[in-house]
Amino acid sequence: MPTLLTDHIVHTKIPLRQVLFEDFKSLGKELPIKGGWGYTMEDAIIIDKNDPIVNCGLPFDGVAIEYIIVEKRIFEELIIFRPKDQQFAGINHQLITQKLVIEENKVFDHLKIAVTAFKQDEFEKAMGEMTDEQMYHYEAEYWFDITSFFGKSQSTEISKLGSVG
């Protein structure tokens, strides 16, 4: 039986935008986001279609930005913000639910993600041959304020959103 991981939330005053830009140079540029880390509706990650870094000549894919953030925040939680001896490997995540929430003239995309991982030192020693007893798991919530682009762009973005689960 996997072990529940309860200390995955990152506690920092550094904006997520800055953290992701500094830690993931492969993204090539900052993401058009502001706000919090998305653990609650009040701390939502605001995806800003009108951010100055957005190329107005290209289609805006806010949903793709959401999924980039999901993956990168998990890496921040399980690797980057942890001491070396508490880092994880063999990380996987899967969407549990996704729903649209409209609150006070704002549109939110709320995702629940199941995350599984193994302690990095054990994972390396076992060369990836791990058992469920060695696995850690948690459910992560992601709150995205998508007001700037929801319903205002290509119908492909809207069709990507929906209710799962």
Protein backbone atom coordinates (compact mmCIF):
# COMPACT_ATOMS: atom_id res chain seq x y z
CA MET A 1 0.00 0.00 0.00
CA PRO A 2 1.45 3.42 -0.96
CA THR A 3 2.30 5.93 1.77
CA LEU A 4 0.39 9.21 1.88
CA LEU A 5 2.72 12.17 1.38
CA THR A 6 1.52 15.12 3.44
CA ASP A 7 4.36 17.64 3.09
CA HIS A 8 4.15 18.40 -0.62
CA ILE A 9 2.92 22.01 -0.50
CA VAL A 10 5.59 24.59 -1.31
CA HIS A 11 5.77 27.44 1.21
CA THR A 12 7.48 30.44 -0.36
CA LYS A 13 6.77 34.07 -1.08
CA ILE A 14 8.56 33.83 -4.43
CA PRO A 15 6.02 34.09 -7.28
CA LEU A 16 5.41 30.87 -9.23
CA ARG A 17 6.18 32.73 -12.47
CA GLN A 18 9.68 33.59 -11.24
CA VAL A 19 10.34 30.14 -9.78
CA LEU A 20 9.35 28.33 -12.98
CA PHE A 21 11.38 30.71 -15.14
CA GLU A 22 14.50 30.25 -12.99
CA ASP A 23 14.18 26.47 -12.58
CA PHE A 24 13.01 25.47 -16.08
CA LYS A 25 15.10 27.30 -18.66
CA SER A 26 13.84 24.77 -21.21
CA LEU A 27 10.53 26.67 -21.25
CA GLY A 28 12.45 29.36 -23.13
CA LYS A 29 10.62 32.27 -21.50
CA GLU A 30 8.41 33.23 -18.62
CA LEU A 31 4.86 31.94 -18.58
CA PRO A 32 2.04 34.52 -18.79
CA ILE A 33 0.92 33.94 -15.21
CA LYS A 34 0.52 35.86 -11.99
CA GLY A 35 -1.18 35.30 -8.66
CA GLY A 36 -0.35 32.43 -6.34
CA TRP A 37 0.65 28.79 -6.56
CA GLY A 38 -2.92 27.53 -7.15
CA TYR A 39 -3.43 25.44 -4.01
CA THR A 40 -6.76 27.18 -3.32
CA MET A 41 -9.23 29.35 -5.23
CA GLU A 42 -8.00 32.37 -3.27
CA ASP A 43 -4.42 31.51 -4.27
CA ALA A 44 -5.28 30.77 -7.92
CA ILE A 45 -2.73 30.90 -10.71
CA ILE A 46 -3.96 33.61 -13.05
CA ILE A 47 -3.27 32.77 -16.68
CA ASP A 48 -3.11 36.14 -18.40
CA LYS A 49 -3.75 36.20 -22.14
CA ASN A 50 -3.02 39.95 -22.05
CA ASP A 51 0.42 39.63 -20.45
CA PRO A 52 3.04 41.64 -22.40
CA ILE A 53 5.06 38.48 -23.12
CA VAL A 54 2.19 36.92 -25.10
CA ASN A 55 2.65 37.06 -28.86
CA CYS A 56 -0.69 38.40 -30.07
CA GLY A 57 0.03 37.04 -33.55
CA LEU A 58 -0.16 33.43 -32.34
CA PRO A 59 -3.17 31.50 -31.01
CA PHE A 60 -3.26 31.53 -27.21
CA ASP A 61 -3.44 28.07 -25.65
CA GLY A 62 -4.20 28.62 -21.98
CA VAL A 63 -5.04 24.97 -21.39
CA ALA A 64 -1.56 23.93 -22.54
CA ILE A 65 -0.12 26.42 -20.04
CA GLU A 66 -2.18 24.75 -17.30
CA TYR A 67 -0.69 21.35 -18.04
CA ILE A 68 2.85 22.73 -18.16
CA ILE A 69 2.28 24.25 -14.73
CA VAL A 70 0.85 21.00 -13.31
CA GLU A 71 3.99 19.08 -14.24
CA LYS A 72 6.46 21.77 -13.21
CA ARG A 73 4.79 22.47 -9.85
CA ILE A 74 4.98 18.75 -9.04
CA PHE A 75 8.72 18.83 -9.77
CA GLU A 76 9.05 21.87 -7.50
CA GLU A 77 7.15 20.04 -4.72
CA LEU A 78 8.97 16.72 -4.97
CA ILE A 79 12.48 17.68 -6.07
CA ILE A 80 13.56 21.30 -6.26
CA PHE A 81 12.21 22.66 -2.95
CA ARG A 82 13.38 19.60 -0.99
CA PRO A 83 16.70 18.77 0.62
CA LYS A 84 18.74 16.30 -1.44
CA ASP A 85 18.00 13.38 0.90
CA GLN A 86 14.22 13.96 0.66
CA GLN A 87 13.84 14.19 -3.10
CA PHE A 88 11.67 11.91 -5.22
CA ALA A 89 12.01 10.11 -8.56
CA GLY A 90 9.79 7.93 -10.74
CA ILE A 91 7.16 10.66 -10.55
CA ASN A 92 3.81 10.15 -12.28
CA HIS A 93 0.62 12.15 -12.28
CA GLN A 94 -2.89 11.62 -13.55
CA LEU A 95 -5.95 13.84 -13.81
CA ILE A 96 -8.69 12.79 -11.38
CA THR A 97 -11.23 15.55 -11.98
CA GLN A 98 -11.49 18.83 -13.82
CA LYS A 99 -14.34 21.27 -13.47
CA LEU A 100 -15.25 24.80 -14.38
CA VAL A 101 -16.12 27.10 -11.46
CA ILE A 102 -17.63 30.55 -11.92
CA GLU A 103 -17.33 32.79 -8.88
CA GLU A 104 -17.76 36.58 -8.63
CA ASN A 105 -17.38 37.19 -12.39
CA LYS A 106 -14.23 35.06 -12.54
CA VAL A 107 -13.86 31.75 -14.34
CA PHE A 108 -11.71 29.07 -12.73
CA ASP A 109 -10.50 25.71 -13.98
CA HIS A 110 -10.15 23.41 -10.95
CA LEU A 111 -8.04 20.29 -11.39
CA LYS A 112 -7.41 17.43 -8.98
CA ILE A 113 -4.32 15.42 -9.81
CA ALA A 114 -3.16 12.09 -8.36
CA VAL A 115 0.61 12.08 -7.89
CA THR A 116 2.81 9.06 -7.19
CA ALA A 117 6.56 8.93 -6.63
CA PHE A 118 9.39 7.06 -4.93
CA LYS A 119 12.21 8.28 -2.68
CA GLN A 120 15.06 9.07 -5.06
CA ASP A 121 17.76 7.14 -3.19
CA GLU A 122 15.60 3.98 -3.04
CA PHE A 123 14.61 4.39 -6.69
CA GLU A 124 18.24 4.63 -7.80
CA LYS A 125 19.32 1.63 -5.69
CA ALA A 126 16.49 -0.51 -7.07
CA MET A 127 17.13 0.76 -10.63
CA GLY A 128 13.44 1.50 -11.06
CA GLU A 129 12.20 -1.90 -9.84
CA MET A 130 9.92 -0.62 -7.09
CA THR A 131 6.96 -2.03 -5.19
CA ASP A 132 3.72 -0.33 -4.12
CA GLU A 133 4.97 -0.42 -0.52
CA GLN A 134 7.81 1.92 -1.54
CA MET A 135 5.48 4.33 -3.32
CA TYR A 136 4.30 7.68 -1.99
CA HIS A 137 1.12 9.37 -3.17
CA TYR A 138 -0.98 12.49 -2.75
CA GLU A 139 -3.78 14.41 -4.43
CA ALA A 140 -2.92 17.90 -5.58
CA GLU A 141 -5.36 20.67 -6.30
CA TYR A 142 -4.76 23.28 -8.97
CA TRP A 143 -6.85 26.40 -9.24
CA PHE A 144 -6.44 28.42 -12.44
CA ASP A 145 -8.15 31.75 -13.04
CA ILE A 146 -8.85 31.51 -16.78
CA THR A 147 -11.05 34.60 -17.04
CA SER A 148 -8.70 36.35 -19.51
CA PHE A 149 -9.12 33.70 -22.19
CA PHE A 150 -12.11 31.47 -21.45
CA GLY A 151 -14.79 31.92 -24.09
CA LYS A 152 -12.81 34.67 -25.81
CA SER A 153 -10.68 32.69 -28.23
CA GLN A 154 -10.65 29.68 -30.49
CA SER A 155 -13.30 27.06 -29.77
CA THR A 156 -10.52 24.47 -29.50
CA GLU A 157 -9.57 25.84 -26.09
CA ILE A 158 -13.11 25.63 -24.81
CA SER A 159 -13.52 22.08 -26.07
CA LYS A 160 -10.38 21.02 -24.18
CA LEU A 161 -12.01 22.08 -20.94
CA GLY A 162 -14.82 20.09 -19.50
CA SER A 163 -15.70 17.82 -16.71
CA VAL A 164 -13.64 14.70 -16.15
CA GLY A 165 -14.48 12.18 -13.49
